Amino acid sequence: VDWWSKFYAATGDLAKSGDYLDRGFDQLKVYRCDLEAVPEFQGLQDFCQTFKLYQG
């Protein structure tokens, strides 16, 4: 079992994923759009604010 088996299981290509799902391994979620468009990612906004630095 390799990373590709995990990928194929996530995309629904069960012929190429072998017995990956049957063995109970973790699964990936593959999104068919930009991650910014997925509501659960909230537009991939920064979690911190930036600020200007001044010398002097």
PDB file of N, CA and C in Angstrom:
ATOM      1  N   VAL A   1       0.855  -1.181   0.000  1.00  0.00           N
ATOM      2  CA  VAL A   1       0.000   0.000   0.000  1.00  0.00           C
ATOM      3  C   VAL A   1       0.896   1.237   0.000  1.00  0.00           C
ATOM      4  N   ASP A   2       0.590   2.181  -0.896  1.00  0.00           N
ATOM      5  CA  ASP A   2       1.390   3.395  -1.001  1.00  0.00           C
ATOM      6  C   ASP A   2       0.484   4.622  -1.068  1.00  0.00           C
ATOM      7  N   TRP A   3       1.117   5.777  -1.262  1.00  0.00           N
ATOM      8  CA  TRP A   3       0.365   7.027  -1.314  1.00  0.00           C
ATOM      9  C   TRP A   3      -0.628   7.023  -2.463  1.00  0.00           C
ATOM     10  N   TRP A   4      -0.263   6.432  -3.593  1.00  0.00           N
ATOM     11  CA  TRP A   4      -1.163   6.407  -4.746  1.00  0.00           C
ATOM     12  C   TRP A   4      -2.427   5.621  -4.447  1.00  0.00           C
ATOM     13  N   SER A   5      -2.329   4.566  -3.670  1.00  0.00           N
ATOM     14  CA  SER A   5      -3.525   3.815  -3.279  1.00  0.00           C
ATOM     15  C   SER A   5      -4.473   4.716  -2.506  1.00  0.00           C
ATOM     16  N   LYS A   6      -3.920   5.531  -1.630  1.00  0.00           N
ATOM     17  CA  LYS A   6      -4.721   6.475  -0.847  1.00  0.00           C
ATOM     18  C   LYS A   6      -5.392   7.498  -1.765  1.00  0.00           C
ATOM     19  N   PHE A   7      -4.644   8.001  -2.738  1.00  0.00           N
ATOM     20  CA  PHE A   7      -5.186   8.972  -3.686  1.00  0.00           C
ATOM     21  C   PHE A   7      -6.303   8.358  -4.524  1.00  0.00           C
ATOM     22  N   TYR A   8      -6.070   7.179  -5.080  1.00  0.00           N
ATOM     23  CA  TYR A   8      -7.084   6.539  -5.921  1.00  0.00           C
ATOM     24  C   TYR A   8      -8.339   6.194  -5.126  1.00  0.00           C
ATOM     25  N   ALA A   9      -8.195   5.817  -3.879  1.00  0.00           N
ATOM     26  CA  ALA A   9      -9.363   5.551  -3.040  1.00  0.00           C
ATOM     27  C   ALA A   9     -10.172   6.830  -2.845  1.00  0.00           C
ATOM     28  N   ALA A  10      -9.489   7.967  -2.694  1.00  0.00           N
ATOM     29  CA  ALA A  10     -10.167   9.242  -2.485  1.00  0.00           C
ATOM     30  C   ALA A  10     -10.887   9.724  -3.735  1.00  0.00           C
ATOM     31  N   THR A  11     -10.354   9.399  -4.907  1.00  0.00           N
ATOM     32  CA  THR A  11     -10.978   9.842  -6.153  1.00  0.00           C
ATOM     33  C   THR A  11     -12.009   8.846  -6.671  1.00  0.00           C
ATOM     34  N   GLY A  12     -12.169   7.728  -5.991  1.00  0.00           N
ATOM     35  CA  GLY A  12     -13.176   6.752  -6.376  1.00  0.00           C
ATOM     36  C   GLY A  12     -12.705   5.714  -7.372  1.00  0.00           C
ATOM     37  N   ASP A  13     -11.429   5.690  -7.682  1.00  0.00           N
ATOM     38  CA  ASP A  13     -10.882   4.706  -8.622  1.00  0.00           C
ATOM     39  C   ASP A  13     -10.509   3.441  -7.842  1.00  0.00           C
ATOM     40  N   LEU A  14     -11.518   2.655  -7.514  1.00  0.00           N
ATOM     41  CA  LEU A  14     -11.319   1.497  -6.644  1.00  0.00           C
ATOM     42  C   LEU A  14     -10.488   0.395  -7.287  1.00  0.00           C
ATOM     43  N   ALA A  15     -10.466   0.345  -8.615  1.00  0.00           N
ATOM     44  CA  ALA A  15      -9.658  -0.669  -9.290  1.00  0.00           C
ATOM     45  C   ALA A  15      -8.171  -0.440  -9.031  1.00  0.00           C
ATOM     46  N   LYS A  16      -7.765   0.825  -8.944  1.00  0.00           N
ATOM     47  CA  LYS A  16      -6.357   1.144  -8.718  1.00  0.00           C
ATOM     48  C   LYS A  16      -5.996   1.237  -7.239  1.00  0.00           C
ATOM     49  N   SER A  17      -7.000   1.405  -6.374  1.00  0.00           N
ATOM     50  CA  SER A  17      -6.696   1.567  -4.948  1.00  0.00           C
ATOM     51  C   SER A  17      -6.492   0.235  -4.239  1.00  0.00           C
ATOM     52  N   GLY A  18      -6.837  -0.853  -4.901  1.00  0.00           N
ATOM     53  CA  GLY A  18      -6.662  -2.168  -4.277  1.00  0.00           C
ATOM     54  C   GLY A  18      -7.544  -2.316  -3.045  1.00  0.00           C
ATOM     55  N   ASP A  19      -6.993  -2.895  -1.994  1.00  0.00           N
ATOM     56  CA  ASP A  19      -7.781  -3.116  -0.777  1.00  0.00           C
ATOM     57  C   ASP A  19      -7.554  -2.022   0.274  1.00  0.00           C
ATOM     58  N   TYR A  20      -7.163  -0.847  -0.177  1.00  0.00           N
ATOM     59  CA  TYR A  20      -6.850   0.253   0.736  1.00  0.00           C
ATOM     60  C   TYR A  20      -8.011   0.545   1.685  1.00  0.00           C
ATOM     61  N   LEU A  21      -9.221   0.679   1.142  1.00  0.00           N
ATOM     62  CA  LEU A  21     -10.381   0.995   1.978  1.00  0.00           C
ATOM     63  C   LEU A  21     -10.743  -0.163   2.899  1.00  0.00           C
ATOM     64  N   ASP A  22     -10.607  -1.375   2.409  1.00  0.00           N
ATOM     65  CA  ASP A  22     -10.938  -2.551   3.219  1.00  0.00           C
ATOM     66  C   ASP A  22     -10.036  -2.679   4.436  1.00  0.00           C
ATOM     67  N   ARG A  23      -8.824  -2.158   4.336  1.00  0.00           N
ATOM     68  CA  ARG A  23      -7.865  -2.274   5.435  1.00  0.00           C
ATOM     69  C   ARG A  23      -8.051  -1.186   6.491  1.00  0.00           C
ATOM     70  N   GLY A  24      -8.969  -0.254   6.249  1.00  0.00           N
ATOM     71  CA  GLY A  24      -9.299   0.752   7.247  1.00  0.00           C
ATOM     72  C   GLY A  24      -8.297   1.881   7.404  1.00  0.00           C
ATOM     73  N   PHE A  25      -7.494   2.136   6.382  1.00  0.00           N
ATOM     74  CA  PHE A  25      -6.523   3.224   6.455  1.00  0.00           C
ATOM     75  C   PHE A  25      -7.229   4.580   6.364  1.00  0.00           C
ATOM     76  N   ASP A  26      -6.522   5.637   6.754  1.00  0.00           N
ATOM     77  CA  ASP A  26      -7.054   6.993   6.652  1.00  0.00           C
ATOM     78  C   ASP A  26      -7.348   7.335   5.200  1.00  0.00           C
ATOM     79  N   GLN A  27      -8.307   8.261   5.024  1.00  0.00           N
ATOM     80  CA  GLN A  27      -8.694   8.652   3.678  1.00  0.00           C
ATOM     81  C   GLN A  27      -8.452  10.137   3.450  1.00  0.00           C
ATOM     82  N   LEU A  28      -8.238  10.487   2.196  1.00  0.00           N
ATOM     83  CA  LEU A  28      -8.106  11.876   1.781  1.00  0.00           C
ATOM     84  C   LEU A  28      -9.454  12.381   1.299  1.00  0.00           C
ATOM     85  N   LYS A  29      -9.611  13.702   1.295  1.00  0.00           N
ATOM     86  CA  LYS A  29     -10.772  14.312   0.663  1.00  0.00           C
ATOM     87  C   LYS A  29     -10.245  15.177  -0.474  1.00  0.00           C
ATOM     88  N   VAL A  30     -10.666  14.877  -1.693  1.00  0.00           N
ATOM     89  CA  VAL A  30     -10.214  15.606  -2.871  1.00  0.00           C
ATOM     90  C   VAL A  30     -11.321  16.576  -3.276  1.00  0.00           C
ATOM     91  N   TYR A  31     -10.980  17.852  -3.367  1.00  0.00           N
ATOM     92  CA  TYR A  31     -11.941  18.881  -3.754  1.00  0.00           C
ATOM     93  C   TYR A  31     -11.830  19.132  -5.246  1.00  0.00           C
ATOM     94  N   ARG A  32     -12.958  19.356  -5.893  1.00  0.00           N
ATOM     95  CA  ARG A  32     -13.001  19.563  -7.344  1.00  0.00           C
ATOM     96  C   ARG A  32     -13.048  21.047  -7.703  1.00  0.00           C
ATOM     97  N   CYS A  33     -12.679  21.898  -6.762  1.00  0.00           N
ATOM     98  CA  CYS A  33     -12.679  23.338  -7.007  1.00  0.00           C
ATOM     99  C   CYS A  33     -11.519  23.964  -6.239  1.00  0.00           C
ATOM    100  N   ASP A  34     -11.354  25.271  -6.412  1.00  0.00           N
ATOM    101  CA  ASP A  34     -10.328  25.980  -5.649  1.00  0.00           C
ATOM    102  C   ASP A  34     -10.659  25.904  -4.166  1.00  0.00           C
ATOM    103  N   LEU A  35      -9.661  25.750  -3.335  1.00  0.00           N
ATOM    104  CA  LEU A  35      -9.901  25.653  -1.895  1.00  0.00           C
ATOM    105  C   LEU A  35     -10.493  26.941  -1.328  1.00  0.00           C
ATOM    106  N   GLU A  36     -10.237  28.071  -1.966  1.00  0.00           N
ATOM    107  CA  GLU A  36     -10.833  29.329  -1.522  1.00  0.00           C
ATOM    108  C   GLU A  36     -12.351  29.309  -1.652  1.00  0.00           C
ATOM    109  N   ALA A  37     -12.885  28.468  -2.536  1.00  0.00           N
ATOM    110  CA  ALA A  37     -14.326  28.389  -2.758  1.00  0.00           C
ATOM    111  C   ALA A  37     -15.020  27.407  -1.816  1.00  0.00           C
ATOM    112  N   VAL A  38     -14.274  26.682  -1.007  1.00  0.00           N
ATOM    113  CA  VAL A  38     -14.848  25.704  -0.084  1.00  0.00           C
ATOM    114  C   VAL A  38     -15.217  26.425   1.215  1.00  0.00           C
ATOM    115  N   PRO A  39     -16.508  26.431   1.599  1.00  0.00           N
ATOM    116  CA  PRO A  39     -16.944  27.190   2.780  1.00  0.00           C
ATOM    117  C   PRO A  39     -16.183  26.861   4.066  1.00  0.00           C
ATOM    118  N   GLU A  40     -15.835  25.615   4.283  1.00  0.00           N
ATOM    119  CA  GLU A  40     -15.180  25.256   5.544  1.00  0.00           C
ATOM    120  C   GLU A  40     -13.784  25.864   5.696  1.00  0.00           C
ATOM    121  N   PHE A  41     -13.189  26.337   4.594  1.00  0.00           N
ATOM    122  CA  PHE A  41     -11.877  26.983   4.666  1.00  0.00           C
ATOM    123  C   PHE A  41     -11.986  28.499   4.785  1.00  0.00           C
ATOM    124  N   GLN A  42     -13.194  29.028   4.770  1.00  0.00           N
ATOM    125  CA  GLN A  42     -13.469  30.462   4.945  1.00  0.00           C
ATOM    126  C   GLN A  42     -12.627  31.326   4.016  1.00  0.00           C
ATOM    127  N   GLY A  43     -12.505  30.911   2.784  1.00  0.00           N
ATOM    128  CA  GLY A  43     -11.760  31.689   1.804  1.00  0.00           C
ATOM    129  C   GLY A  43     -10.262  31.689   2.028  1.00  0.00           C
ATOM    130  N   LEU A  44      -9.768  30.810   2.876  1.00  0.00           N
ATOM    131  CA  LEU A  44      -8.346  30.733   3.219  1.00  0.00           C
ATOM    132  C   LEU A  44      -7.797  32.093   3.665  1.00  0.00           C
ATOM    133  N   GLN A  45      -8.532  32.729   4.557  1.00  0.00           N
ATOM    134  CA  GLN A  45      -8.096  34.019   5.084  1.00  0.00           C
ATOM    135  C   GLN A  45      -6.944  33.817   6.049  1.00  0.00           C
ATOM    136  N   ASP A  46      -6.078  34.814   6.108  1.00  0.00           N
ATOM    137  CA  ASP A  46      -4.967  34.756   7.051  1.00  0.00           C
ATOM    138  C   ASP A  46      -5.501  34.755   8.480  1.00  0.00           C
ATOM    139  N   PHE A  47      -4.839  34.035   9.340  1.00  0.00           N
ATOM    140  CA  PHE A  47      -5.273  33.956  10.731  1.00  0.00           C
ATOM    141  C   PHE A  47      -4.637  35.037  11.600  1.00  0.00           C
ATOM    142  N   CYS A  48      -3.775  35.837  11.017  1.00  0.00           N
ATOM    143  CA  CYS A  48      -3.156  36.922  11.789  1.00  0.00           C
ATOM    144  C   CYS A  48      -3.147  38.196  10.953  1.00  0.00           C
ATOM    145  N   GLN A  49      -3.035  39.307  11.620  1.00  0.00           N
ATOM    146  CA  GLN A  49      -3.006  40.598  10.949  1.00  0.00           C
ATOM    147  C   GLN A  49      -1.563  41.022  10.699  1.00  0.00           C
ATOM    148  N   THR A  50      -1.334  41.698   9.603  1.00  0.00           N
ATOM    149  CA  THR A  50      -0.003  42.230   9.324  1.00  0.00           C
ATOM    150  C   THR A  50       0.066  43.670   9.821  1.00  0.00           C
ATOM    151  N   PHE A  51       1.253  44.135  10.050  1.00  0.00           N
ATOM    152  CA  PHE A  51       1.429  45.519  10.484  1.00  0.00           C
ATOM    153  C   PHE A  51       2.745  46.041   9.942  1.00  0.00           C
ATOM    154  N   LYS A  52       2.809  47.345   9.778  1.00  0.00           N
ATOM    155  CA  LYS A  52       4.004  47.982   9.234  1.00  0.00           C
ATOM    156  C   LYS A  52       5.018  48.207  10.347  1.00  0.00           C
ATOM    157  N   LEU A  53       6.275  48.029  10.016  1.00  0.00           N
ATOM    158  CA  LEU A  53       7.359  48.305  10.954  1.00  0.00           C
ATOM    159  C   LEU A  53       8.003  49.634  10.582  1.00  0.00           C
ATOM    160  N   TYR A  54       8.280  50.405  11.582  1.00  0.00           N
ATOM    161  CA  TYR A  54       8.925  51.700  11.376  1.00  0.00           C
ATOM    162  C   TYR A  54      10.240  51.732  12.126  1.00  0.00           C
ATOM    163  N   GLN A  55      11.220  52.362  11.527  1.00  0.00           N
ATOM    164  CA  GLN A  55      12.523  52.507  12.178  1.00  0.00           C
ATOM    165  C   GLN A  55      12.590  53.885  12.829  1.00  0.00           C
ATOM    166  N   GLY A  56      13.149  53.926  14.016  1.00  0.00           N
ATOM    167  CA  GLY A  56      13.339  55.231  14.614  1.00  0.00           C
ATOM    168  C   GLY A  56      12.933  55.381  15.986  1.00  0.00           C
TER     169      GLY A  56
END
